[in-house]
Amino acid sequence: MSENKPFEKLWEDAESISDMSEEARSQLYISLQESITDYKKLDKLPSPEIQDALKTKKLGEIIFQIAELSKIDNINAYKALAIENEFRRK
């Protein structure tokens, strides 16, 4: 793993390296659903250490896919999260 970067920089890196081909974009929703399903299945693993390592990897995949989605739709992810935080505080 590289040096510690601010989250915003990691997000920008993910957006810049994501594959925006037509085929990749059409697969994004399917991949995101599959990643979330796989993440939930990791709770069944017997070893907490393995569970943690695999959940960390899988969550990274999910966050990367969300970064791709925000780039495709030109959504300000910070603003979207701020709006959702405000909504949930009410």
PDB file of N, CA and C in Angstrom:
ATOM      1  N   MET A   1       0.850  -1.169   0.000  1.00  0.00           N
ATOM      2  CA  MET A   1       0.000   0.000   0.000  1.00  0.00           C
ATOM      3  C   MET A   1       0.898   1.235   0.000  1.00  0.00           C
ATOM      4  N   SER A   2       0.474   2.251  -0.732  1.00  0.00           N
ATOM      5  CA  SER A   2       1.256   3.483  -0.820  1.00  0.00           C
ATOM      6  C   SER A   2       1.065   4.336   0.427  1.00  0.00           C
ATOM      7  N   GLU A   3       1.709   5.480   0.412  1.00  0.00           N
ATOM      8  CA  GLU A   3       1.639   6.376   1.561  1.00  0.00           C
ATOM      9  C   GLU A   3       0.198   6.746   1.886  1.00  0.00           C
ATOM     10  N   ASN A   4      -0.022   7.210   3.117  1.00  0.00           N
ATOM     11  CA  ASN A   4      -1.363   7.636   3.506  1.00  0.00           C
ATOM     12  C   ASN A   4      -1.729   8.896   2.744  1.00  0.00           C
ATOM     13  N   LYS A   5      -2.853   8.839   2.068  1.00  0.00           N
ATOM     14  CA  LYS A   5      -3.339   9.970   1.293  1.00  0.00           C
ATOM     15  C   LYS A   5      -4.668  10.415   1.893  1.00  0.00           C
ATOM     16  N   PRO A   6      -4.991  11.688   1.763  1.00  0.00           N
ATOM     17  CA  PRO A   6      -6.333  12.103   2.171  1.00  0.00           C
ATOM     18  C   PRO A   6      -7.373  11.352   1.346  1.00  0.00           C
ATOM     19  N   PHE A   7      -8.530  11.110   1.929  1.00  0.00           N
ATOM     20  CA  PHE A   7      -9.575  10.351   1.252  1.00  0.00           C
ATOM     21  C   PHE A   7      -9.946  10.978  -0.088  1.00  0.00           C
ATOM     22  N   GLU A   8     -10.010  12.292  -0.133  1.00  0.00           N
ATOM     23  CA  GLU A   8     -10.367  12.974  -1.376  1.00  0.00           C
ATOM     24  C   GLU A   8      -9.390  12.629  -2.495  1.00  0.00           C
ATOM     25  N   LYS A   9      -8.095  12.548  -2.175  1.00  0.00           N
ATOM     26  CA  LYS A   9      -7.082  12.207  -3.175  1.00  0.00           C
ATOM     27  C   LYS A   9      -7.271  10.760  -3.649  1.00  0.00           C
ATOM     28  N   LEU A  10      -7.564   9.857  -2.717  1.00  0.00           N
ATOM     29  CA  LEU A  10      -7.819   8.476  -3.101  1.00  0.00           C
ATOM     30  C   LEU A  10      -9.031   8.388  -4.023  1.00  0.00           C
ATOM     31  N   TRP A  11     -10.066   9.175  -3.700  1.00  0.00           N
ATOM     32  CA  TRP A  11     -11.281   9.183  -4.526  1.00  0.00           C
ATOM     33  C   TRP A  11     -10.950   9.660  -5.940  1.00  0.00           C
ATOM     34  N   GLU A  12     -10.203  10.752  -6.032  1.00  0.00           N
ATOM     35  CA  GLU A  12      -9.819  11.290  -7.339  1.00  0.00           C
ATOM     36  C   GLU A  12      -8.975  10.284  -8.118  1.00  0.00           C
ATOM     37  N   ASP A  13      -8.085   9.585  -7.412  1.00  0.00           N
ATOM     38  CA  ASP A  13      -7.285   8.545  -8.067  1.00  0.00           C
ATOM     39  C   ASP A  13      -8.178   7.446  -8.634  1.00  0.00           C
ATOM     40  N   ALA A  14      -9.168   7.023  -7.850  1.00  0.00           N
ATOM     41  CA  ALA A  14     -10.086   5.977  -8.308  1.00  0.00           C
ATOM     42  C   ALA A  14     -10.830   6.431  -9.551  1.00  0.00           C
ATOM     43  N   GLU A  15     -11.300   7.669  -9.535  1.00  0.00           N
ATOM     44  CA  GLU A  15     -12.011   8.183 -10.706  1.00  0.00           C
ATOM     45  C   GLU A  15     -11.101   8.238 -11.938  1.00  0.00           C
ATOM     46  N   SER A  16      -9.851   8.583 -11.718  1.00  0.00           N
ATOM     47  CA  SER A  16      -8.947   8.738 -12.861  1.00  0.00           C
ATOM     48  C   SER A  16      -8.513   7.400 -13.458  1.00  0.00           C
ATOM     49  N   ILE A  17      -8.495   6.334 -12.667  1.00  0.00           N
ATOM     50  CA  ILE A  17      -8.048   5.043 -13.196  1.00  0.00           C
ATOM     51  C   ILE A  17      -9.202   4.115 -13.561  1.00  0.00           C
ATOM     52  N   SER A  18     -10.428   4.548 -13.283  1.00  0.00           N
ATOM     53  CA  SER A  18     -11.564   3.680 -13.585  1.00  0.00           C
ATOM     54  C   SER A  18     -11.738   3.539 -15.094  1.00  0.00           C
ATOM     55  N   ASP A  19     -12.274   2.411 -15.490  1.00  0.00           N
ATOM     56  CA  ASP A  19     -12.498   2.092 -16.897  1.00  0.00           C
ATOM     57  C   ASP A  19     -13.878   2.599 -17.292  1.00  0.00           C
ATOM     58  N   MET A  20     -13.914   3.598 -18.145  1.00  0.00           N
ATOM     59  CA  MET A  20     -15.188   4.193 -18.524  1.00  0.00           C
ATOM     60  C   MET A  20     -15.662   3.736 -19.903  1.00  0.00           C
ATOM     61  N   SER A  21     -15.177   2.584 -20.345  1.00  0.00           N
ATOM     62  CA  SER A  21     -15.654   2.060 -21.628  1.00  0.00           C
ATOM     63  C   SER A  21     -17.143   1.740 -21.514  1.00  0.00           C
ATOM     64  N   GLU A  22     -17.812   1.702 -22.634  1.00  0.00           N
ATOM     65  CA  GLU A  22     -19.257   1.425 -22.654  1.00  0.00           C
ATOM     66  C   GLU A  22     -19.562   0.078 -21.998  1.00  0.00           C
ATOM     67  N   GLU A  23     -18.743  -0.911 -22.289  1.00  0.00           N
ATOM     68  CA  GLU A  23     -18.944  -2.236 -21.708  1.00  0.00           C
ATOM     69  C   GLU A  23     -18.778  -2.202 -20.187  1.00  0.00           C
ATOM     70  N   ALA A  24     -17.745  -1.499 -19.710  1.00  0.00           N
ATOM     71  CA  ALA A  24     -17.508  -1.404 -18.268  1.00  0.00           C
ATOM     72  C   ALA A  24     -18.652  -0.684 -17.568  1.00  0.00           C
ATOM     73  N   ARG A  25     -19.159   0.357 -18.194  1.00  0.00           N
ATOM     74  CA  ARG A  25     -20.264   1.100 -17.591  1.00  0.00           C
ATOM     75  C   ARG A  25     -21.518   0.243 -17.491  1.00  0.00           C
ATOM     76  N   SER A  26     -21.785  -0.568 -18.500  1.00  0.00           N
ATOM     77  CA  SER A  26     -22.981  -1.406 -18.454  1.00  0.00           C
ATOM     78  C   SER A  26     -22.854  -2.507 -17.401  1.00  0.00           C
ATOM     79  N   GLN A  27     -21.638  -2.889 -17.087  1.00  0.00           N
ATOM     80  CA  GLN A  27     -21.395  -3.926 -16.073  1.00  0.00           C
ATOM     81  C   GLN A  27     -21.338  -3.379 -14.648  1.00  0.00           C
ATOM     82  N   LEU A  28     -21.220  -2.071 -14.504  1.00  0.00           N
ATOM     83  CA  LEU A  28     -20.981  -1.476 -13.183  1.00  0.00           C
ATOM     84  C   LEU A  28     -22.075  -1.819 -12.180  1.00  0.00           C
ATOM     85  N   TYR A  29     -23.324  -1.684 -12.558  1.00  0.00           N
ATOM     86  CA  TYR A  29     -24.416  -1.958 -11.623  1.00  0.00           C
ATOM     87  C   TYR A  29     -24.422  -3.414 -11.185  1.00  0.00           C
ATOM     88  N   ILE A  30     -24.184  -4.308 -12.133  1.00  0.00           N
ATOM     89  CA  ILE A  30     -24.128  -5.731 -11.819  1.00  0.00           C
ATOM     90  C   ILE A  30     -22.961  -6.014 -10.878  1.00  0.00           C
ATOM     91  N   SER A  31     -21.809  -5.453 -11.181  1.00  0.00           N
ATOM     92  CA  SER A  31     -20.625  -5.666 -10.346  1.00  0.00           C
ATOM     93  C   SER A  31     -20.829  -5.132  -8.938  1.00  0.00           C
ATOM     94  N   LEU A  32     -21.460  -3.974  -8.838  1.00  0.00           N
ATOM     95  CA  LEU A  32     -21.704  -3.380  -7.518  1.00  0.00           C
ATOM     96  C   LEU A  32     -22.654  -4.260  -6.710  1.00  0.00           C
ATOM     97  N   GLN A  33     -23.707  -4.745  -7.326  1.00  0.00           N
ATOM     98  CA  GLN A  33     -24.637  -5.649  -6.637  1.00  0.00           C
ATOM     99  C   GLN A  33     -23.925  -6.921  -6.185  1.00  0.00           C
ATOM    100  N   GLU A  34     -23.119  -7.487  -7.055  1.00  0.00           N
ATOM    101  CA  GLU A  34     -22.390  -8.712  -6.713  1.00  0.00           C
ATOM    102  C   GLU A  34     -21.410  -8.473  -5.571  1.00  0.00           C
ATOM    103  N   SER A  35     -20.736  -7.333  -5.593  1.00  0.00           N
ATOM    104  CA  SER A  35     -19.779  -7.008  -4.528  1.00  0.00           C
ATOM    105  C   SER A  35     -20.478  -6.886  -3.181  1.00  0.00           C
ATOM    106  N   ILE A  36     -21.646  -6.270  -3.158  1.00  0.00           N
ATOM    107  CA  ILE A  36     -22.395  -6.122  -1.908  1.00  0.00           C
ATOM    108  C   ILE A  36     -22.875  -7.485  -1.417  1.00  0.00           C
ATOM    109  N   THR A  37     -23.336  -8.318  -2.322  1.00  0.00           N
ATOM    110  CA  THR A  37     -23.755  -9.675  -1.959  1.00  0.00           C
ATOM    111  C   THR A  37     -22.575 -10.461  -1.393  1.00  0.00           C
ATOM    112  N   ASP A  38     -21.435 -10.381  -2.057  1.00  0.00           N
ATOM    113  CA  ASP A  38     -20.226 -11.068  -1.575  1.00  0.00           C
ATOM    114  C   ASP A  38     -19.809 -10.550  -0.200  1.00  0.00           C
ATOM    115  N   TYR A  39     -19.910  -9.255   0.011  1.00  0.00           N
ATOM    116  CA  TYR A  39     -19.532  -8.647   1.296  1.00  0.00           C
ATOM    117  C   TYR A  39     -20.379  -9.246   2.425  1.00  0.00           C
ATOM    118  N   LYS A  40     -21.682  -9.366   2.192  1.00  0.00           N
ATOM    119  CA  LYS A  40     -22.569  -9.913   3.216  1.00  0.00           C
ATOM    120  C   LYS A  40     -22.217 -11.366   3.536  1.00  0.00           C
ATOM    121  N   LYS A  41     -21.769 -12.118   2.553  1.00  0.00           N
ATOM    122  CA  LYS A  41     -21.429 -13.531   2.748  1.00  0.00           C
ATOM    123  C   LYS A  41     -20.196 -13.703   3.640  1.00  0.00           C
ATOM    124  N   LEU A  42     -19.357 -12.683   3.721  1.00  0.00           N
ATOM    125  CA  LEU A  42     -18.118 -12.797   4.497  1.00  0.00           C
ATOM    126  C   LEU A  42     -18.383 -12.935   5.995  1.00  0.00           C
ATOM    127  N   ASP A  43     -19.572 -12.574   6.452  1.00  0.00           N
ATOM    128  CA  ASP A  43     -19.917 -12.740   7.872  1.00  0.00           C
ATOM    129  C   ASP A  43     -19.917 -14.200   8.289  1.00  0.00           C
ATOM    130  N   LYS A  44     -20.026 -15.100   7.334  1.00  0.00           N
ATOM    131  CA  LYS A  44     -20.112 -16.535   7.635  1.00  0.00           C
ATOM    132  C   LYS A  44     -18.740 -17.187   7.802  1.00  0.00           C
ATOM    133  N   LEU A  45     -17.676 -16.443   7.546  1.00  0.00           N
ATOM    134  CA  LEU A  45     -16.342 -17.023   7.696  1.00  0.00           C
ATOM    135  C   LEU A  45     -16.023 -17.231   9.173  1.00  0.00           C
ATOM    136  N   PRO A  46     -15.351 -18.341   9.504  1.00  0.00           N
ATOM    137  CA  PRO A  46     -15.098 -18.655  10.915  1.00  0.00           C
ATOM    138  C   PRO A  46     -14.010 -17.795  11.570  1.00  0.00           C
ATOM    139  N   SER A  47     -13.070 -17.324  10.806  1.00  0.00           N
ATOM    140  CA  SER A  47     -11.940 -16.593  11.382  1.00  0.00           C
ATOM    141  C   SER A  47     -12.162 -15.080  11.307  1.00  0.00           C
ATOM    142  N   PRO A  48     -12.194 -14.402  12.479  1.00  0.00           N
ATOM    143  CA  PRO A  48     -12.354 -12.941  12.464  1.00  0.00           C
ATOM    144  C   PRO A  48     -11.229 -12.226  11.720  1.00  0.00           C
ATOM    145  N   GLU A  49     -10.018 -12.762  11.765  1.00  0.00           N
ATOM    146  CA  GLU A  49      -8.894 -12.131  11.083  1.00  0.00           C
ATOM    147  C   GLU A  49      -9.067 -12.195   9.563  1.00  0.00           C
ATOM    148  N   ILE A  50      -9.464 -13.358   9.085  1.00  0.00           N
ATOM    149  CA  ILE A  50      -9.700 -13.513   7.643  1.00  0.00           C
ATOM    150  C   ILE A  50     -10.904 -12.684   7.224  1.00  0.00           C
ATOM    151  N   GLN A  51     -11.943 -12.710   8.047  1.00  0.00           N
ATOM    152  CA  GLN A  51     -13.133 -11.912   7.781  1.00  0.00           C
ATOM    153  C   GLN A  51     -12.768 -10.437   7.616  1.00  0.00           C
ATOM    154  N   ASP A  52     -11.977  -9.923   8.546  1.00  0.00           N
ATOM    155  CA  ASP A  52     -11.584  -8.507   8.514  1.00  0.00           C
ATOM    156  C   ASP A  52     -10.775  -8.185   7.257  1.00  0.00           C
ATOM    157  N   ALA A  53      -9.813  -9.039   6.933  1.00  0.00           N
ATOM    158  CA  ALA A  53      -8.974  -8.794   5.753  1.00  0.00           C
ATOM    159  C   ALA A  53      -9.806  -8.813   4.469  1.00  0.00           C
ATOM    160  N   LEU A  54     -10.697  -9.789   4.347  1.00  0.00           N
ATOM    161  CA  LEU A  54     -11.502  -9.892   3.135  1.00  0.00           C
ATOM    162  C   LEU A  54     -12.570  -8.801   3.054  1.00  0.00           C
ATOM    163  N   LYS A  55     -13.140  -8.429   4.205  1.00  0.00           N
ATOM    164  CA  LYS A  55     -14.119  -7.339   4.211  1.00  0.00           C
ATOM    165  C   LYS A  55     -13.444  -6.013   3.843  1.00  0.00           C
ATOM    166  N   THR A  56     -12.231  -5.800   4.320  1.00  0.00           N
ATOM    167  CA  THR A  56     -11.501  -4.579   3.970  1.00  0.00           C
ATOM    168  C   THR A  56     -11.279  -4.516   2.471  1.00  0.00           C
ATOM    169  N   LYS A  57     -10.842  -5.617   1.878  1.00  0.00           N
ATOM    170  CA  LYS A  57     -10.621  -5.674   0.425  1.00  0.00           C
ATOM    171  C   LYS A  57     -11.919  -5.456  -0.333  1.00  0.00           C
ATOM    172  N   LYS A  58     -12.977  -6.138   0.084  1.00  0.00           N
ATOM    173  CA  LYS A  58     -14.261  -6.049  -0.621  1.00  0.00           C
ATOM    174  C   LYS A  58     -14.862  -4.652  -0.479  1.00  0.00           C
ATOM    175  N   LEU A  59     -14.743  -4.024   0.688  1.00  0.00           N
ATOM    176  CA  LEU A  59     -15.256  -2.673   0.863  1.00  0.00           C
ATOM    177  C   LEU A  59     -14.497  -1.698  -0.031  1.00  0.00           C
ATOM    178  N   GLY A  60     -13.201  -1.918  -0.190  1.00  0.00           N
ATOM    179  CA  GLY A  60     -12.422  -1.109  -1.127  1.00  0.00           C
ATOM    180  C   GLY A  60     -12.964  -1.224  -2.546  1.00  0.00           C
ATOM    181  N   GLU A  61     -13.319  -2.435  -2.955  1.00  0.00           N
ATOM    182  CA  GLU A  61     -13.910  -2.640  -4.285  1.00  0.00           C
ATOM    183  C   GLU A  61     -15.228  -1.878  -4.414  1.00  0.00           C
ATOM    184  N   ILE A  62     -16.052  -1.947  -3.382  1.00  0.00           N
ATOM    185  CA  ILE A  62     -17.352  -1.271  -3.402  1.00  0.00           C
ATOM    186  C   ILE A  62     -17.169   0.242  -3.486  1.00  0.00           C
ATOM    187  N   ILE A  63     -16.270   0.776  -2.698  1.00  0.00           N
ATOM    188  CA  ILE A  63     -16.028   2.225  -2.722  1.00  0.00           C
ATOM    189  C   ILE A  63     -15.490   2.650  -4.089  1.00  0.00           C
ATOM    190  N   PHE A  64     -14.598   1.845  -4.660  1.00  0.00           N
ATOM    191  CA  PHE A  64     -14.077   2.139  -6.002  1.00  0.00           C
ATOM    192  C   PHE A  64     -15.223   2.173  -7.014  1.00  0.00           C
ATOM    193  N   GLN A  65     -16.121   1.200  -6.929  1.00  0.00           N
ATOM    194  CA  GLN A  65     -17.248   1.150  -7.858  1.00  0.00           C
ATOM    195  C   GLN A  65     -18.169   2.360  -7.672  1.00  0.00           C
ATOM    196  N   ILE A  66     -18.344   2.805  -6.439  1.00  0.00           N
ATOM    197  CA  ILE A  66     -19.157   3.998  -6.202  1.00  0.00           C
ATOM    198  C   ILE A  66     -18.460   5.236  -6.777  1.00  0.00           C
ATOM    199  N   ALA A  67     -17.140   5.274  -6.688  1.00  0.00           N
ATOM    200  CA  ALA A  67     -16.391   6.380  -7.314  1.00  0.00           C
ATOM    201  C   ALA A  67     -16.605   6.362  -8.830  1.00  0.00           C
ATOM    202  N   GLU A  68     -16.598   5.173  -9.421  1.00  0.00           N
ATOM    203  CA  GLU A  68     -16.867   5.061 -10.861  1.00  0.00           C
ATOM    204  C   GLU A  68     -18.266   5.579 -11.186  1.00  0.00           C
ATOM    205  N   LEU A  69     -19.234   5.196 -10.373  1.00  0.00           N
ATOM    206  CA  LEU A  69     -20.614   5.622 -10.591  1.00  0.00           C
ATOM    207  C   LEU A  69     -20.744   7.142 -10.496  1.00  0.00           C
ATOM    208  N   SER A  70     -20.077   7.735  -9.516  1.00  0.00           N
ATOM    209  CA  SER A  70     -20.156   9.196  -9.368  1.00  0.00           C
ATOM    210  C   SER A  70     -19.513   9.896 -10.563  1.00  0.00           C
ATOM    211  N   LYS A  71     -18.468   9.286 -11.131  1.00  0.00           N
ATOM    212  CA  LYS A  71     -17.833   9.874 -12.309  1.00  0.00           C
ATOM    213  C   LYS A  71     -18.736   9.756 -13.533  1.00  0.00           C
ATOM    214  N   ILE A  72     -19.334   8.598 -13.728  1.00  0.00           N
ATOM    215  CA  ILE A  72     -20.222   8.388 -14.873  1.00  0.00           C
ATOM    216  C   ILE A  72     -21.356   9.409 -14.872  1.00  0.00           C
ATOM    217  N   ASP A  73     -21.968   9.594 -13.707  1.00  0.00           N
ATOM    218  CA  ASP A  73     -23.135  10.475 -13.613  1.00  0.00           C
ATOM    219  C   ASP A  73     -22.774  11.910 -13.235  1.00  0.00           C
ATOM    220  N   ASN A  74     -21.467  12.177 -13.114  1.00  0.00           N
ATOM    221  CA  ASN A  74     -20.992  13.514 -12.754  1.00  0.00           C
ATOM    222  C   ASN A  74     -21.662  14.018 -11.477  1.00  0.00           C
ATOM    223  N   ILE A  75     -21.627  13.185 -10.440  1.00  0.00           N
ATOM    224  CA  ILE A  75     -22.223  13.506  -9.149  1.00  0.00           C
ATOM    225  C   ILE A  75     -21.104  13.882  -8.183  1.00  0.00           C
ATOM    226  N   ASN A  76     -21.296  14.972  -7.470  1.00  0.00           N
ATOM    227  CA  ASN A  76     -20.366  15.382  -6.428  1.00  0.00           C
ATOM    228  C   ASN A  76     -20.625  14.481  -5.218  1.00  0.00           C
ATOM    229  N   ALA A  77     -19.756  13.504  -5.001  1.00  0.00           N
ATOM    230  CA  ALA A  77     -19.960  12.512  -3.943  1.00  0.00           C
ATOM    231  C   ALA A  77     -19.937  13.162  -2.562  1.00  0.00           C
ATOM    232  N   TYR A  78     -19.095  14.163  -2.371  1.00  0.00           N
ATOM    233  CA  TYR A  78     -19.053  14.864  -1.086  1.00  0.00           C
ATOM    234  C   TYR A  78     -20.412  15.514  -0.797  1.00  0.00           C
ATOM    235  N   LYS A  79     -20.939  16.198  -1.776  1.00  0.00           N
ATOM    236  CA  LYS A  79     -22.239  16.862  -1.623  1.00  0.00           C
ATOM    237  C   LYS A  79     -23.339  15.826  -1.368  1.00  0.00           C
ATOM    238  N   ALA A  80     -23.310  14.729  -2.117  1.00  0.00           N
ATOM    239  CA  ALA A  80     -24.315  13.684  -1.948  1.00  0.00           C
ATOM    240  C   ALA A  80     -24.288  13.117  -0.529  1.00  0.00           C
ATOM    241  N   LEU A  81     -23.089  12.866  -0.003  1.00  0.00           N
ATOM    242  CA  LEU A  81     -22.963  12.333   1.348  1.00  0.00           C
ATOM    243  C   LEU A  81     -23.379  13.372   2.388  1.00  0.00           C
ATOM    244  N   ALA A  82     -23.027  14.625   2.165  1.00  0.00           N
ATOM    245  CA  ALA A  82     -23.421  15.695   3.092  1.00  0.00           C
ATOM    246  C   ALA A  82     -24.945  15.810   3.162  1.00  0.00           C
ATOM    247  N   ILE A  83     -25.607  15.723   2.019  1.00  0.00           N
ATOM    248  CA  ILE A  83     -27.075  15.777   1.980  1.00  0.00           C
ATOM    249  C   ILE A  83     -27.676  14.601   2.745  1.00  0.00           C
ATOM    250  N   GLU A  84     -27.123  13.405   2.521  1.00  0.00           N
ATOM    251  CA  GLU A  84     -27.642  12.217   3.209  1.00  0.00           C
ATOM    252  C   GLU A  84     -27.403  12.305   4.712  1.00  0.00           C
ATOM    253  N   ASN A  85     -26.232  12.806   5.120  1.00  0.00           N
ATOM    254  CA  ASN A  85     -25.955  12.980   6.556  1.00  0.00           C
ATOM    255  C   ASN A  85     -26.982  13.914   7.180  1.00  0.00           C
ATOM    256  N   GLU A  86     -27.244  15.013   6.515  1.00  0.00           N
ATOM    257  CA  GLU A  86     -28.212  15.989   7.028  1.00  0.00           C
ATOM    258  C   GLU A  86     -29.610  15.353   7.132  1.00  0.00           C
ATOM    259  N   PHE A  87     -29.996  14.603   6.121  1.00  0.00           N
ATOM    260  CA  PHE A  87     -31.292  13.932   6.119  1.00  0.00           C
ATOM    261  C   PHE A  87     -31.412  12.967   7.299  1.00  0.00           C
ATOM    262  N   ARG A  88     -30.361  12.212   7.555  1.00  0.00           N
ATOM    263  CA  ARG A  88     -30.404  11.192   8.634  1.00  0.00           C
ATOM    264  C   ARG A  88     -30.329  11.813  10.032  1.00  0.00           C
ATOM    265  N   ARG A  89     -29.844  13.032  10.133  1.00  0.00           N
ATOM    266  CA  ARG A  89     -29.802  13.707  11.441  1.00  0.00           C
ATOM    267  C   ARG A  89     -31.192  14.150  11.894  1.00  0.00           C
ATOM    268  N   LYS A  90     -32.091  14.284  10.957  1.00  0.00           N
ATOM    269  CA  LYS A  90     -33.440  14.789  11.287  1.00  0.00           C
ATOM    270  C   LYS A  90     -34.295  13.742  11.936  1.00  0.00           C
TER     271      LYS A  90
END
